[in-house]
PDB file of N, CA and C in Angstrom:
ATOM      1  N   MET A   1    -148.838 -11.791 213.542  1.00  0.00           N
ATOM      2  CA  MET A   1    -147.840 -12.300 212.619  1.00  0.00           C
ATOM      3  C   MET A   1    -147.775 -13.819 212.735  1.00  0.00           C
ATOM      4  N   SER A   2    -147.487 -14.403 211.624  1.00  0.00           N
ATOM      5  CA  SER A   2    -147.397 -15.859 211.630  1.00  0.00           C
ATOM      6  C   SER A   2    -146.038 -16.313 212.155  1.00  0.00           C
ATOM      7  N   GLU A   3    -146.007 -17.554 212.545  1.00  0.00           N
ATOM      8  CA  GLU A   3    -144.761 -18.136 213.085  1.00  0.00           C
ATOM      9  C   GLU A   3    -143.660 -18.131 212.023  1.00  0.00           C
ATOM     10  N   GLN A   4    -144.020 -18.415 210.770  1.00  0.00           N
ATOM     11  CA  GLN A   4    -143.026 -18.440 209.686  1.00  0.00           C
ATOM     12  C   GLN A   4    -142.429 -17.049 209.464  1.00  0.00           C
ATOM     13  N   ARG A   5    -143.234 -16.037 209.606  1.00  0.00           N
ATOM     14  CA  ARG A   5    -142.734 -14.676 209.405  1.00  0.00           C
ATOM     15  C   ARG A   5    -141.715 -14.314 210.495  1.00  0.00           C
ATOM     16  N   PHE A   6    -141.972 -14.725 211.734  1.00  0.00           N
ATOM     17  CA  PHE A   6    -141.002 -14.507 212.807  1.00  0.00           C
ATOM     18  C   PHE A   6    -139.695 -15.246 212.527  1.00  0.00           C
ATOM     19  N   ILE A   7    -139.825 -16.466 212.048  1.00  0.00           N
ATOM     20  CA  ILE A   7    -138.626 -17.248 211.728  1.00  0.00           C
ATOM     21  C   ILE A   7    -137.833 -16.565 210.621  1.00  0.00           C
ATOM     22  N   ASP A   8    -138.522 -16.081 209.599  1.00  0.00           N
ATOM     23  CA  ASP A   8    -137.846 -15.381 208.505  1.00  0.00           C
ATOM     24  C   ASP A   8    -137.132 -14.127 209.002  1.00  0.00           C
ATOM     25  N   LEU A   9    -137.801 -13.371 209.860  1.00  0.00           N
ATOM     26  CA  LEU A   9    -137.184 -12.153 210.403  1.00  0.00           C
ATOM     27  C   LEU A   9    -135.977 -12.476 211.270  1.00  0.00           C
ATOM     28  N   GLU A  10    -136.076 -13.506 212.088  1.00  0.00           N
ATOM     29  CA  GLU A  10    -134.946 -13.902 212.923  1.00  0.00           C
ATOM     30  C   GLU A  10    -133.782 -14.390 212.077  1.00  0.00           C
ATOM     31  N   THR A  11    -134.078 -15.099 210.993  1.00  0.00           N
ATOM     32  CA  THR A  11    -133.034 -15.576 210.083  1.00  0.00           C
ATOM     33  C   THR A  11    -132.327 -14.401 209.425  1.00  0.00           C
ATOM     34  N   ARG A  12    -133.109 -13.448 208.932  1.00  0.00           N
ATOM     35  CA  ARG A  12    -132.509 -12.256 208.311  1.00  0.00           C
ATOM     36  C   ARG A  12    -131.666 -11.483 209.314  1.00  0.00           C
ATOM     37  N   LEU A  13    -132.139 -11.365 210.542  1.00  0.00           N
ATOM     38  CA  LEU A  13    -131.395 -10.660 211.580  1.00  0.00           C
ATOM     39  C   LEU A  13    -130.079 -11.370 211.880  1.00  0.00           C
ATOM     40  N   ALA A  14    -130.115 -12.687 211.912  1.00  0.00           N
ATOM     41  CA  ALA A  14    -128.894 -13.450 212.171  1.00  0.00           C
ATOM     42  C   ALA A  14    -127.875 -13.228 211.056  1.00  0.00           C
ATOM     43  N   TYR A  15    -128.324 -13.244 209.791  1.00  0.00           N
ATOM     44  CA  TYR A  15    -127.414 -12.996 208.673  1.00  0.00           C
ATOM     45  C   TYR A  15    -126.872 -11.568 208.715  1.00  0.00           C
ATOM     46  N   GLN A  16    -127.714 -10.628 209.074  1.00  0.00           N
ATOM     47  CA  GLN A  16    -127.267  -9.239 209.162  1.00  0.00           C
ATOM     48  C   GLN A  16    -126.250  -9.060 210.283  1.00  0.00           C
ATOM     49  N   ASP A  17    -126.461  -9.724 211.400  1.00  0.00           N
ATOM     50  CA  ASP A  17    -125.482  -9.662 212.495  1.00  0.00           C
ATOM     51  C   ASP A  17    -124.142 -10.233 212.060  1.00  0.00           C
ATOM     52  N   GLN A  18    -124.196 -11.360 211.337  1.00  0.00           N
ATOM     53  CA  GLN A  18    -122.958 -11.974 210.851  1.00  0.00           C
ATOM     54  C   GLN A  18    -122.254 -11.044 209.863  1.00  0.00           C
ATOM     55  N   LEU A  19    -123.009 -10.463 208.942  1.00  0.00           N
ATOM     56  CA  LEU A  19    -122.429  -9.551 207.963  1.00  0.00           C
ATOM     57  C   LEU A  19    -121.848  -8.317 208.641  1.00  0.00           C
ATOM     58  N   LEU A  20    -122.540  -7.801 209.629  1.00  0.00           N
ATOM     59  CA  LEU A  20    -122.053  -6.638 210.359  1.00  0.00           C
ATOM     60  C   LEU A  20    -120.731  -6.950 211.054  1.00  0.00           C
ATOM     61  N   GLN A  21    -120.620  -8.133 211.631  1.00  0.00           N
ATOM     62  CA  GLN A  21    -119.371  -8.531 212.286  1.00  0.00           C
ATOM     63  C   GLN A  21    -118.242  -8.667 211.266  1.00  0.00           C
ATOM     64  N   GLU A  22    -118.539  -9.249 210.091  1.00  0.00           N
ATOM     65  CA  GLU A  22    -117.527  -9.383 209.045  1.00  0.00           C
ATOM     66  C   GLU A  22    -117.069  -8.008 208.552  1.00  0.00           C
ATOM     67  N   LEU A  23    -118.011  -7.101 208.370  1.00  0.00           N
ATOM     68  CA  LEU A  23    -117.654  -5.745 207.941  1.00  0.00           C
ATOM     69  C   LEU A  23    -116.836  -5.033 209.007  1.00  0.00           C
ATOM     70  N   ASN A  24    -117.191  -5.213 210.263  1.00  0.00           N
ATOM     71  CA  ASN A  24    -116.437  -4.610 211.352  1.00  0.00           C
ATOM     72  C   ASN A  24    -115.004  -5.148 211.380  1.00  0.00           C
ATOM     73  N   ASP A  25    -114.855  -6.453 211.172  1.00  0.00           N
ATOM     74  CA  ASP A  25    -113.516  -7.047 211.132  1.00  0.00           C
ATOM     75  C   ASP A  25    -112.696  -6.472 209.974  1.00  0.00           C
ATOM     76  N   ALA A  26    -113.343  -6.300 208.824  1.00  0.00           N
ATOM     77  CA  ALA A  26    -112.636  -5.752 207.664  1.00  0.00           C
ATOM     78  C   ALA A  26    -112.201  -4.312 207.923  1.00  0.00           C
ATOM     79  N   VAL A  27    -113.074  -3.509 208.500  1.00  0.00           N
ATOM     80  CA  VAL A  27    -112.744  -2.111 208.787  1.00  0.00           C
ATOM     81  C   VAL A  27    -111.624  -2.026 209.825  1.00  0.00           C
ATOM     82  N   THR A  28    -111.689  -2.883 210.839  1.00  0.00           N
ATOM     83  CA  THR A  28    -110.649  -2.900 211.865  1.00  0.00           C
ATOM     84  C   THR A  28    -109.304  -3.267 211.259  1.00  0.00           C
ATOM     85  N   SER A  29    -109.294  -4.263 210.387  1.00  0.00           N
ATOM     86  CA  SER A  29    -108.061  -4.679 209.714  1.00  0.00           C
ATOM     87  C   SER A  29    -107.517  -3.561 208.825  1.00  0.00           C
ATOM     88  N   GLN A  30    -108.402  -2.902 208.094  1.00  0.00           N
ATOM     89  CA  GLN A  30    -107.976  -1.810 207.226  1.00  0.00           C
ATOM     90  C   GLN A  30    -107.425  -0.643 208.040  1.00  0.00           C
ATOM     91  N   GLN A  31    -108.033  -0.343 209.165  1.00  0.00           N
ATOM     92  CA  GLN A  31    -107.552   0.748 210.008  1.00  0.00           C
ATOM     93  C   GLN A  31    -106.166   0.436 210.543  1.00  0.00           C
ATOM     94  N   ALA A  32    -105.935  -0.802 210.932  1.00  0.00           N
ATOM     95  CA  ALA A  32    -104.603  -1.188 211.409  1.00  0.00           C
ATOM     96  C   ALA A  32    -103.570  -1.037 210.296  1.00  0.00           C
ATOM     97  N   LYS A  33    -103.929  -1.434 209.079  1.00  0.00           N
ATOM     98  CA  LYS A  33    -103.011  -1.305 207.945  1.00  0.00           C
ATOM     99  C   LYS A  33    -102.757   0.168 207.629  1.00  0.00           C
ATOM    100  N   ILE A  34    -103.788   1.003 207.695  1.00  0.00           N
ATOM    101  CA  ILE A  34    -103.618   2.438 207.447  1.00  0.00           C
ATOM    102  C   ILE A  34    -102.663   3.040 208.469  1.00  0.00           C
ATOM    103  N   MET A  35    -102.815   2.655 209.727  1.00  0.00           N
ATOM    104  CA  MET A  35    -101.930   3.181 210.764  1.00  0.00           C
ATOM    105  C   MET A  35    -100.489   2.733 210.527  1.00  0.00           C
ATOM    106  N   GLN A  36    -100.307   1.481 210.102  1.00  0.00           N
ATOM    107  CA  GLN A  36     -98.974   0.971 209.804  1.00  0.00           C
ATOM    108  C   GLN A  36     -98.358   1.732 208.632  1.00  0.00           C
ATOM    109  N   LEU A  37     -99.133   1.943 207.581  1.00  0.00           N
ATOM    110  CA  LEU A  37     -98.637   2.675 206.422  1.00  0.00           C
ATOM    111  C   LEU A  37     -98.341   4.133 206.766  1.00  0.00           C
ATOM    112  N   ASP A  38     -99.137   4.723 207.627  1.00  0.00           N
ATOM    113  CA  ASP A  38     -98.907   6.095 208.062  1.00  0.00           C
ATOM    114  C   ASP A  38     -97.575   6.213 208.796  1.00  0.00           C
ATOM    115  N   GLU A  39     -97.290   5.254 209.669  1.00  0.00           N
ATOM    116  CA  GLU A  39     -96.015   5.256 210.382  1.00  0.00           C
ATOM    117  C   GLU A  39     -94.846   5.080 209.421  1.00  0.00           C
ATOM    118  N   GLN A  40     -94.996   4.195 208.438  1.00  0.00           N
ATOM    119  CA  GLN A  40     -93.940   4.002 207.448  1.00  0.00           C
ATOM    120  C   GLN A  40     -93.722   5.271 206.630  1.00  0.00           C
ATOM    121  N   CYS A  41     -94.802   5.931 206.280  1.00  0.00           N
ATOM    122  CA  CYS A  41     -94.704   7.169 205.507  1.00  0.00           C
ATOM    123  C   CYS A  41     -93.973   8.244 206.309  1.00  0.00           C
ATOM    124  N   LYS A  42     -94.315   8.375 207.584  1.00  0.00           N
ATOM    125  CA  LYS A  42     -93.640   9.357 208.434  1.00  0.00           C
ATOM    126  C   LYS A  42     -92.158   9.037 208.560  1.00  0.00           C
ATOM    127  N   SER A  43     -91.834   7.751 208.674  1.00  0.00           N
ATOM    128  CA  SER A  43     -90.442   7.334 208.772  1.00  0.00           C
ATOM    129  C   SER A  43     -89.683   7.664 207.487  1.00  0.00           C
ATOM    130  N   LEU A  44     -90.302   7.408 206.344  1.00  0.00           N
ATOM    131  CA  LEU A  44     -89.654   7.713 205.073  1.00  0.00           C
ATOM    132  C   LEU A  44     -89.458   9.214 204.892  1.00  0.00           C
ATOM    133  N   ILE A  45     -90.431   9.998 205.289  1.00  0.00           N
ATOM    134  CA  ILE A  45     -90.306  11.457 205.202  1.00  0.00           C
ATOM    135  C   ILE A  45     -89.145  11.930 206.067  1.00  0.00           C
ATOM    136  N   ALA A  46     -89.033  11.386 207.257  1.00  0.00           N
ATOM    137  CA  ALA A  46     -87.933  11.766 208.142  1.00  0.00           C
ATOM    138  C   ALA A  46     -86.594  11.377 207.541  1.00  0.00           C
ATOM    139  N   ARG A  47     -86.518  10.205 206.924  1.00  0.00           N
ATOM    140  CA  ARG A  47     -85.267   9.764 206.306  1.00  0.00           C
ATOM    141  C   ARG A  47     -84.887  10.655 205.127  1.00  0.00           C
ATOM    142  N   VAL A  48     -85.874  11.014 204.294  1.00  0.00           N
ATOM    143  CA  VAL A  48     -85.600  11.883 203.141  1.00  0.00           C
ATOM    144  C   VAL A  48     -85.137  13.255 203.615  1.00  0.00           C
ATOM    145  N   ARG A  49     -85.768  13.781 204.657  1.00  0.00           N
ATOM    146  CA  ARG A  49     -85.350  15.077 205.189  1.00  0.00           C
ATOM    147  C   ARG A  49     -83.939  15.002 205.752  1.00  0.00           C
ATOM    148  N   ALA A  50     -83.609  13.902 206.417  1.00  0.00           N
ATOM    149  CA  ALA A  50     -82.268  13.744 206.967  1.00  0.00           C
ATOM    150  C   ALA A  50     -81.245  13.677 205.850  1.00  0.00           C
ATOM    151  N   ILE A  51     -81.565  12.981 204.787  1.00  0.00           N
ATOM    152  CA  ILE A  51     -80.647  12.905 203.645  1.00  0.00           C
ATOM    153  C   ILE A  51     -80.509  14.271 202.987  1.00  0.00           C
ATOM    154  N   ALA A  52     -81.610  14.994 202.853  1.00  0.00           N
ATOM    155  CA  ALA A  52     -81.571  16.328 202.240  1.00  0.00           C
ATOM    156  C   ALA A  52     -80.755  17.285 203.107  1.00  0.00           C
ATOM    157  N   ASP A  53     -80.878  17.165 204.426  1.00  0.00           N
ATOM    158  CA  ASP A  53     -80.104  18.034 205.309  1.00  0.00           C
ATOM    159  C   ASP A  53     -78.619  17.704 205.262  1.00  0.00           C
ATOM    160  N   ALA A  54     -78.280  16.470 204.998  1.00  0.00           N
ATOM    161  CA  ALA A  54     -76.879  16.054 204.954  1.00  0.00           C
ATOM    162  C   ALA A  54     -76.237  16.343 203.606  1.00  0.00           C
ATOM    163  N   ALA A  55     -77.031  16.627 202.597  1.00  0.00           N
ATOM    164  CA  ALA A  55     -76.497  16.902 201.259  1.00  0.00           C
ATOM    165  C   ALA A  55     -75.801  18.256 201.251  1.00  0.00           C
ATOM    166  N   PRO A  56     -74.844  18.417 200.347  1.00  0.00           N
ATOM    167  CA  PRO A  56     -74.180  19.725 200.237  1.00  0.00           C
ATOM    168  C   PRO A  56     -75.190  20.830 199.930  1.00  0.00           C
ATOM    169  N   ALA A  57     -74.893  22.022 200.421  1.00  0.00           N
ATOM    170  CA  ALA A  57     -75.829  23.137 200.291  1.00  0.00           C
ATOM    171  C   ALA A  57     -75.752  23.823 198.941  1.00  0.00           C
ATOM    172  N   GLY A  58     -74.900  23.380 198.039  1.00  0.00           N
ATOM    173  CA  GLY A  58     -74.757  24.009 196.726  1.00  0.00           C
ATOM    174  C   GLY A  58     -76.016  23.870 195.899  1.00  0.00           C
ATOM    175  N   ASP A  59     -76.223  24.810 194.992  1.00  0.00           N
ATOM    176  CA  ASP A  59     -77.404  24.796 194.132  1.00  0.00           C
ATOM    177  C   ASP A  59     -77.010  24.240 192.771  1.00  0.00           C
ATOM    178  N   SER A  60     -76.598  22.999 192.746  1.00  0.00           N
ATOM    179  CA  SER A  60     -76.130  22.395 191.510  1.00  0.00           C
ATOM    180  C   SER A  60     -77.258  21.742 190.722  1.00  0.00           C
ATOM    181  N   GLY A  61     -78.469  21.894 191.137  1.00  0.00           N
ATOM    182  CA  GLY A  61     -79.595  21.279 190.455  1.00  0.00           C
ATOM    183  C   GLY A  61     -79.858  21.858 189.084  1.00  0.00           C
ATOM    184  N   ASP A  62     -79.509  23.122 188.846  1.00  0.00           N
ATOM    185  CA  ASP A  62     -79.773  23.760 187.559  1.00  0.00           C
ATOM    186  C   ASP A  62     -78.532  23.862 186.684  1.00  0.00           C
ATOM    187  N   GLU A  63     -77.420  23.358 187.131  1.00  0.00           N
ATOM    188  CA  GLU A  63     -76.196  23.452 186.335  1.00  0.00           C
ATOM    189  C   GLU A  63     -76.235  22.492 185.165  1.00  0.00           C
ATOM    190  N   MET A  64     -75.584  22.891 184.077  1.00  0.00           N
ATOM    191  CA  MET A  64     -75.450  22.039 182.910  1.00  0.00           C
ATOM    192  C   MET A  64     -74.355  21.009 183.213  1.00  0.00           C
ATOM    193  N   PRO A  65     -74.539  19.790 182.776  1.00  0.00           N
ATOM    194  CA  PRO A  65     -73.482  18.801 182.960  1.00  0.00           C
ATOM    195  C   PRO A  65     -72.238  19.211 182.172  1.00  0.00           C
ATOM    196  N   PRO A  66     -71.047  18.760 182.573  1.00  0.00           N
ATOM    197  CA  PRO A  66     -69.815  19.211 181.936  1.00  0.00           C
ATOM    198  C   PRO A  66     -69.687  18.812 180.479  1.00  0.00           C
ATOM    199  N   HIS A  67     -70.411  17.857 179.988  1.00  0.00           N
ATOM    200  CA  HIS A  67     -70.251  17.455 178.592  1.00  0.00           C
ATOM    201  C   HIS A  67     -71.043  18.324 177.627  1.00  0.00           C
ATOM    202  N   TYR A  68     -71.756  19.345 178.078  1.00  0.00           N
ATOM    203  CA  TYR A  68     -72.478  20.257 177.178  1.00  0.00           C
ATOM    204  C   TYR A  68     -71.644  21.417 176.799  1.00  0.00           C
TER     205      TYR A  68
END
């Protein structure tokens, strides 16, 4: 192999290493955000369940409003 071909391969490898690191950083950041959103979702579900449990047990969801 010629010297120029080695240089070209090393250059491509360096760019690929840099790109791989950038992609790894992006995936790591996205995973952290997913975990944060998952925790928020679980918290909201717990809050909605707590509100539903505190609501009166009557089945007034199907009743007609008094003005009908």
